[in-house]
Protein backbone atom coordinates (compact mmCIF):
# COMPACT_ATOMS: atom_id res chain seq x y z
CA UNK A 1 104.82 185.68 37.85
CA UNK A 2 108.32 183.88 37.66
CA UNK A 3 107.92 182.55 41.13
CA UNK A 4 104.52 181.10 40.29
CA UNK A 5 106.02 179.52 37.32
CA UNK A 6 108.95 178.03 39.40
CA UNK A 7 106.50 176.58 42.08
CA UNK A 8 104.52 175.11 39.43
CA UNK A 9 107.35 173.36 38.03
CA UNK A 10 108.57 172.11 41.08
CA UNK A 11 105.08 170.79 42.05
CA UNK A 12 104.86 168.89 38.70
CA UNK A 13 108.64 167.49 39.05
CA UNK A 14 107.37 166.12 42.60
CA UNK A 15 104.45 164.24 41.06
CA UNK A 16 106.48 162.97 38.32
CA UNK A 17 109.15 161.69 41.17
CA UNK A 18 106.07 159.86 42.95
CA UNK A 19 104.86 158.43 39.86
CA UNK A 20 108.34 157.26 38.83
CA UNK A 21 108.57 155.56 42.47
CA UNK A 22 105.56 153.95 42.31
CA UNK A 23 106.31 152.40 39.08
CA UNK A 24 109.73 151.24 40.34
CA UNK A 25 108.31 149.76 43.42
CA UNK A 26 105.65 147.82 41.38
CA UNK A 27 108.31 146.18 39.31
CA UNK A 28 110.75 145.34 42.04
CA UNK A 29 108.31 143.90 44.51
CA UNK A 30 109.36 140.92 46.44
CA UNK A 31 107.52 137.66 45.84
CA UNK A 32 106.72 135.40 48.68
CA UNK A 33 106.10 131.86 48.88
CA UNK A 34 102.58 130.88 49.84
CA UNK A 35 102.16 130.46 53.68
CA UNK A 36 100.64 127.14 54.69
CA UNK A 37 99.69 126.28 58.22
CA UNK A 38 100.00 122.68 59.46
CA UNK A 39 99.41 122.05 62.93
CA UNK A 40 98.71 118.17 62.91
CA UNK A 41 102.00 117.58 64.91
CA UNK A 42 101.19 120.06 67.71
CA UNK A 43 99.20 119.13 70.83
CA UNK A 44 95.73 120.52 71.13
CA UNK A 45 95.72 123.35 73.76
CA UNK A 46 92.16 122.34 75.08
CA UNK A 47 93.13 118.80 76.03
CA UNK A 48 93.32 118.05 79.73
CA UNK A 49 97.02 116.59 79.99
CA UNK A 50 96.91 116.61 83.94
CA UNK A 51 97.18 112.77 85.40
CA UNK A 52 94.08 111.44 86.32
CA UNK A 53 93.25 110.88 90.16
CA UNK A 54 92.91 107.25 90.91
CA UNK A 55 89.44 106.32 92.60
CA UNK A 56 87.57 109.50 91.49
CA UNK A 57 84.74 108.71 89.51
CA UNK A 58 81.23 110.38 88.70
CA UNK A 59 79.15 107.88 90.75
CA UNK A 60 76.27 109.29 93.18
CA UNK A 61 77.03 106.55 95.80
CA UNK A 62 79.38 109.16 97.74
CA UNK A 63 76.56 111.65 98.40
CA UNK A 64 75.69 115.13 96.78
CA UNK A 65 78.17 117.57 95.73
CA UNK A 66 79.33 120.46 98.09
CA UNK A 67 76.07 122.60 98.37
CA UNK A 68 75.96 125.53 100.55
CA UNK A 69 72.64 127.59 101.02
CA UNK A 70 73.11 131.27 101.43
CA UNK A 71 69.64 132.41 101.60
CA UNK A 72 66.17 131.14 101.21
CA UNK A 73 63.15 133.15 99.66
CA UNK A 74 60.12 130.81 100.30
CA UNK A 75 57.22 133.21 100.98
CA UNK A 76 56.53 134.21 97.28
CA UNK A 77 54.77 132.59 94.33
CA UNK A 78 58.31 130.95 92.90
CA UNK A 79 60.32 130.06 95.92
CA UNK A 80 64.03 130.62 95.32
CA UNK A 81 67.13 129.80 97.18
CA UNK A 82 70.75 130.89 96.86
CA UNK A 83 73.23 127.92 96.63
CA UNK A 84 76.85 128.31 96.03
CA UNK A 85 76.24 131.88 95.01
CA UNK A 86 73.56 130.98 92.46
CA UNK A 87 69.91 131.82 92.70
CA UNK A 88 68.02 128.67 91.88
CA UNK A 89 64.18 127.66 91.92
CA UNK A 90 62.34 124.40 91.92
CA UNK A 91 63.52 122.42 88.74
CA UNK A 92 66.69 124.00 88.33
CA UNK A 93 69.85 121.89 88.32
CA UNK A 94 73.02 122.79 90.23
CA UNK A 95 76.16 120.91 90.40
CA UNK A 96 74.22 117.91 88.69
CA UNK A 97 71.68 117.94 91.67
CA UNK A 98 68.04 119.06 90.82
CA UNK A 99 66.06 121.47 93.05
CA UNK A 100 62.83 119.52 94.12
CA UNK A 101 61.58 121.67 96.92
CA UNK A 102 62.40 125.05 98.58
CA UNK A 103 60.85 125.70 102.22
CA UNK A 104 61.78 127.98 105.21
CA UNK A 105 63.84 124.87 106.60
CA UNK A 106 65.93 124.35 103.72
CA UNK A 107 66.32 122.87 100.05
CA UNK A 108 65.60 119.47 99.03
CA UNK A 109 67.44 118.32 95.96
CA UNK A 110 67.59 114.96 93.92
CA UNK A 111 71.01 113.75 93.32
CA UNK A 112 71.24 110.58 91.43
CA UNK A 113 68.16 108.61 92.82
CA UNK A 114 68.64 110.05 96.31
CA UNK A 115 66.99 112.95 98.11
CA UNK A 116 68.94 115.21 100.01
CA UNK A 117 67.88 118.29 102.49
CA UNK A 118 70.23 121.04 102.74
CA UNK A 119 69.22 123.27 105.85
CA UNK A 120 68.85 126.88 105.46
CA UNK A 121 71.07 129.48 107.42
CA UNK A 122 68.36 130.39 109.74
CA UNK A 123 67.71 126.59 110.67
CA UNK A 124 71.41 125.79 111.11
CA UNK A 125 71.80 129.04 113.27
CA UNK A 126 68.75 127.95 115.57
CA UNK A 127 70.26 124.35 115.95
CA UNK A 128 73.62 125.83 117.22
CA UNK A 129 71.88 128.14 119.47
CA UNK A 130 70.17 125.08 121.10
CA UNK A 131 73.38 123.19 121.22
CA UNK A 132 75.07 126.30 123.07
CA UNK A 133 72.08 126.51 125.41
CA UNK A 134 72.41 122.96 126.46
CA UNK A 135 75.94 123.32 127.04
CA UNK A 136 75.29 126.20 129.43
CA UNK A 137 76.01 128.98 126.90
CA UNK A 138 79.17 130.14 124.87
CA UNK A 139 80.45 132.94 127.17
CA UNK A 140 80.02 131.33 130.49
CA UNK A 141 82.93 131.74 132.94
């Protein structure tokens, strides 16, 4: 019985100590000034601060961008090609060039007002084989 009474008193004393600590902490709270963020004099991290290269413009007179045809799917209802590791179909734009036709010979693109044809890998391989045969073969000794 006495043991129970002592435990109850200790418990109540603990609760009273916690309440006193909370009251003291609220009275002696630290007041901080309001924070104002001003970044008007700092540089914009998204601006391109690299020096501009002389003579580089966005004109189309120099030819189309570097486009590499990796594969052509021309036999189905929607012909597709893999150009610069992206799958495209007629009407899609890649590197500012519009795909206007896809055939087994290659891909035709419209860049600026000029049409360019990029050979498919199979056509390129056939042309290289014919060149080698005309020279007498690659591995001739």
